[in-house]
């Protein structure tokens, strides 16, 4: 997709064509998943989740649908526990993948941000949600260390999953590991 208004036009056109195809074959699992993907691009996360949840009930559902559902649930308010449960289940089914660790980490970071008094307290170092967010982030970065820059620079913005942990020393150590590895020796 292009950027700006062109992107929106392309997303709308893609959604329209996918819906036409689904009208002819409403049970098509891959097309249904692609439609949910376009809904996610359009930031219609609740609709994407509903589409994927319906698809998960079908025998036509591709395996990746469960992973996508775990991801999209992190964008729907108060669905963090569902995102964690579904992502953990997907990882049990496919233990060699590591993408779901990021979904789980985001969901726990969001739960941490909602913690009692979190908005007025700088840090809650003994929070179980904090611990699990950092543990899962560590597991994800272990297999995909190049993703640290994205986490550090994008996921800490206001409204993003790790915003409340942006100055946490343990978080900073995790997401700066790639900088240390790229630095020339002294």
Protein backbone atom coordinates (compact mmCIF):
# COMPACT_ATOMS: atom_id res chain seq x y z
CA UNK A 1 0.00 0.00 0.00
CA UNK A 2 1.04 3.58 -0.60
CA UNK A 3 0.89 6.19 2.13
CA UNK A 4 -1.63 8.87 3.05
CA UNK A 5 -4.93 9.22 1.24
CA UNK A 6 -3.85 6.77 -1.47
CA UNK A 7 -3.35 4.12 1.21
CA UNK A 8 -6.84 4.67 2.59
CA UNK A 9 -8.30 4.39 -0.92
CA UNK A 10 -6.36 1.17 -1.52
CA UNK A 11 -7.47 -0.30 1.82
CA UNK A 12 -11.09 0.56 1.05
CA UNK A 13 -10.79 -1.00 -2.41
CA UNK A 14 -9.16 -4.14 -0.97
CA UNK A 15 -11.94 -4.47 1.62
CA UNK A 16 -14.58 -4.03 -1.08
CA UNK A 17 -13.08 -6.72 -3.33
CA UNK A 18 -12.54 -9.15 -0.47
CA UNK A 19 -16.15 -8.69 0.61
CA UNK A 20 -17.30 -9.37 -2.97
CA UNK A 21 -15.30 -12.60 -2.99
CA UNK A 22 -16.66 -13.56 0.44
CA UNK A 23 -20.18 -12.96 -0.83
CA UNK A 24 -19.54 -15.70 -3.39
CA UNK A 25 -17.77 -17.97 -0.88
CA UNK A 26 -18.52 -16.88 2.71
CA UNK A 27 -16.68 -19.87 4.21
CA UNK A 28 -13.31 -19.05 2.63
CA UNK A 29 -10.92 -18.98 5.58
CA UNK A 30 -7.97 -17.20 3.98
CA UNK A 31 -10.11 -14.44 2.47
CA UNK A 32 -11.86 -13.92 5.79
CA UNK A 33 -8.49 -13.59 7.51
CA UNK A 34 -7.34 -11.11 4.84
CA UNK A 35 -10.48 -9.09 5.40
CA UNK A 36 -9.69 -8.94 9.13
CA UNK A 37 -6.17 -7.81 8.23
CA UNK A 38 -7.55 -4.92 6.15
CA UNK A 39 -9.88 -3.99 9.02
CA UNK A 40 -6.82 -3.87 11.28
CA UNK A 41 -4.99 -1.61 8.81
CA UNK A 42 -8.02 0.66 8.95
CA UNK A 43 -7.77 0.58 12.76
CA UNK A 44 -11.17 -1.12 13.04
CA UNK A 45 -9.70 -3.49 15.61
CA UNK A 46 -12.95 -4.55 17.27
CA UNK A 47 -14.34 -5.54 13.86
CA UNK A 48 -11.12 -7.37 13.00
CA UNK A 49 -11.36 -9.28 16.29
CA UNK A 50 -15.02 -10.20 15.68
CA UNK A 51 -14.14 -11.42 12.19
CA UNK A 52 -11.25 -13.55 13.48
CA UNK A 53 -13.25 -14.91 16.42
CA UNK A 54 -15.97 -16.05 14.02
CA UNK A 55 -13.36 -17.58 11.74
CA UNK A 56 -11.72 -19.43 14.66
CA UNK A 57 -14.94 -21.41 15.05
CA UNK A 58 -14.59 -22.77 11.53
CA UNK A 59 -12.63 -25.80 10.41
CA UNK A 60 -11.51 -23.61 7.48
CA UNK A 61 -9.48 -21.32 9.77
CA UNK A 62 -5.78 -21.22 8.87
CA UNK A 63 -3.52 -21.70 11.92
CA UNK A 64 -2.14 -18.15 11.74
CA UNK A 65 -5.60 -16.77 12.52
CA UNK A 66 -5.09 -17.56 16.19
CA UNK A 67 -1.83 -15.60 16.20
CA UNK A 68 -3.46 -12.63 14.46
CA UNK A 69 -6.34 -12.72 16.91
CA UNK A 70 -3.91 -12.50 19.82
CA UNK A 71 -2.30 -9.49 18.13
CA UNK A 72 -5.50 -7.61 17.28
CA UNK A 73 -6.88 -8.19 20.78
CA UNK A 74 -4.07 -6.02 22.17
CA UNK A 75 -5.76 -3.06 20.45
CA UNK A 76 -9.22 -3.66 21.93
CA UNK A 77 -9.77 -2.14 25.38
CA UNK A 78 -10.10 -4.60 28.26
CA UNK A 79 -9.26 -7.67 26.15
CA UNK A 80 -5.69 -8.07 27.42
CA UNK A 81 -6.44 -11.35 29.22
CA UNK A 82 -7.92 -12.79 26.02
CA UNK A 83 -4.86 -11.65 24.04
CA UNK A 84 -2.59 -13.38 26.55
CA UNK A 85 -4.59 -16.60 26.67
CA UNK A 86 -4.95 -16.92 22.90
CA UNK A 87 -1.30 -16.02 22.26
CA UNK A 88 -0.04 -18.49 24.87
CA UNK A 89 -2.22 -21.20 23.35
CA UNK A 90 -0.87 -20.45 19.89
CA UNK A 91 2.70 -20.60 21.19
CA UNK A 92 2.03 -23.99 22.81
CA UNK A 93 0.86 -25.23 19.40
CA UNK A 94 3.89 -23.73 17.61
CA UNK A 95 6.73 -23.56 20.16
CA UNK A 96 9.37 -22.56 17.59
CA UNK A 97 7.72 -19.23 16.83
CA UNK A 98 8.52 -16.12 18.86
CA UNK A 99 6.17 -13.42 17.53
CA UNK A 100 3.50 -14.16 20.12
CA UNK A 101 5.90 -13.23 22.92
CA UNK A 102 5.56 -9.63 21.73
CA UNK A 103 1.74 -9.85 21.80
CA UNK A 104 1.86 -11.28 25.32
CA UNK A 105 4.39 -8.65 26.44
CA UNK A 106 2.19 -5.85 25.10
CA UNK A 107 -0.90 -7.19 26.83
CA UNK A 108 0.89 -7.46 30.19
CA UNK A 109 2.39 -3.98 29.74
CA UNK A 110 -1.12 -2.64 29.13
CA UNK A 111 -2.36 -4.38 32.28
CA UNK A 112 0.57 -2.88 34.19
CA UNK A 113 -0.38 0.59 32.97
CA UNK A 114 -3.90 0.06 34.31
CA UNK A 115 -2.63 -1.10 37.70
CA UNK A 116 -3.93 0.44 40.90
CA UNK A 117 -2.52 3.93 41.28
CA UNK A 118 -0.28 3.49 38.24
CA UNK A 119 -1.02 6.94 36.87
CA UNK A 120 0.22 8.62 40.05
CA UNK A 121 3.07 6.27 40.97
CA UNK A 122 6.29 6.41 38.96
CA UNK A 123 6.95 2.68 39.01
CA UNK A 124 5.62 -0.46 40.63
CA UNK A 125 8.72 -2.68 40.45
CA UNK A 126 7.10 -5.66 42.17
CA UNK A 127 4.09 -5.73 39.82
CA UNK A 128 3.42 -9.19 38.39
CA UNK A 129 2.16 -7.59 35.17
CA UNK A 130 5.43 -5.65 34.85
CA UNK A 131 7.45 -8.80 35.47
CA UNK A 132 5.51 -10.81 32.88
CA UNK A 133 5.64 -7.98 30.31
CA UNK A 134 9.43 -7.81 30.62
CA UNK A 135 9.83 -11.60 30.68
CA UNK A 136 7.87 -12.03 27.45
CA UNK A 137 9.62 -9.07 25.85
CA UNK A 138 12.95 -10.69 26.74
CA UNK A 139 11.83 -13.99 25.18
CA UNK A 140 10.72 -12.24 21.99
CA UNK A 141 13.93 -10.21 21.71
CA UNK A 142 16.03 -13.30 22.31
CA UNK A 143 14.98 -14.63 18.88
CA UNK A 144 14.44 -11.25 17.24
CA UNK A 145 16.94 -8.77 18.72
CA UNK A 146 16.57 -6.45 15.74
CA UNK A 147 13.05 -5.66 16.98
CA UNK A 148 14.43 -3.83 20.04
CA UNK A 149 14.65 -0.55 18.13
CA UNK A 150 10.96 -0.70 17.19
CA UNK A 151 9.98 -1.44 20.79
CA UNK A 152 12.25 1.33 22.11
CA UNK A 153 11.25 4.00 19.59
CA UNK A 154 7.62 3.22 18.73
CA UNK A 155 6.01 1.18 21.50
CA UNK A 156 6.91 3.73 24.19
CA UNK A 157 4.99 6.62 22.62
CA UNK A 158 1.94 7.94 24.53
CA UNK A 159 -0.94 5.50 24.16
CA UNK A 160 1.34 2.61 23.19
CA UNK A 161 1.79 -0.58 25.21
CA UNK A 162 5.15 0.21 26.83
CA UNK A 163 4.64 3.93 27.48
CA UNK A 164 4.41 3.42 31.25
CA UNK A 165 7.60 1.35 31.20
CA UNK A 166 9.59 3.69 28.94
CA UNK A 167 11.90 4.79 31.77
CA UNK A 168 11.98 1.48 33.63
CA UNK A 169 15.67 0.48 34.05
CA UNK A 170 15.07 -3.20 33.25
CA UNK A 171 13.02 -2.31 30.17
CA UNK A 172 15.73 0.08 28.98
CA UNK A 173 18.38 -2.59 29.45
CA UNK A 174 16.36 -5.00 27.29
CA UNK A 175 15.66 -2.61 24.44
CA UNK A 176 19.15 -1.14 24.35
CA UNK A 177 20.90 -4.49 24.03
CA UNK A 178 20.95 -4.10 20.27
CA UNK A 179 22.75 -0.75 20.61
CA UNK A 180 25.48 -2.34 22.71
CA UNK A 181 25.90 -5.19 20.24
CA UNK A 182 26.20 -2.73 17.33
CA UNK A 183 28.69 -0.48 19.14
CA UNK A 184 32.34 -0.96 18.24
CA UNK A 185 34.53 -2.17 21.13
CA UNK A 186 36.37 0.50 23.13
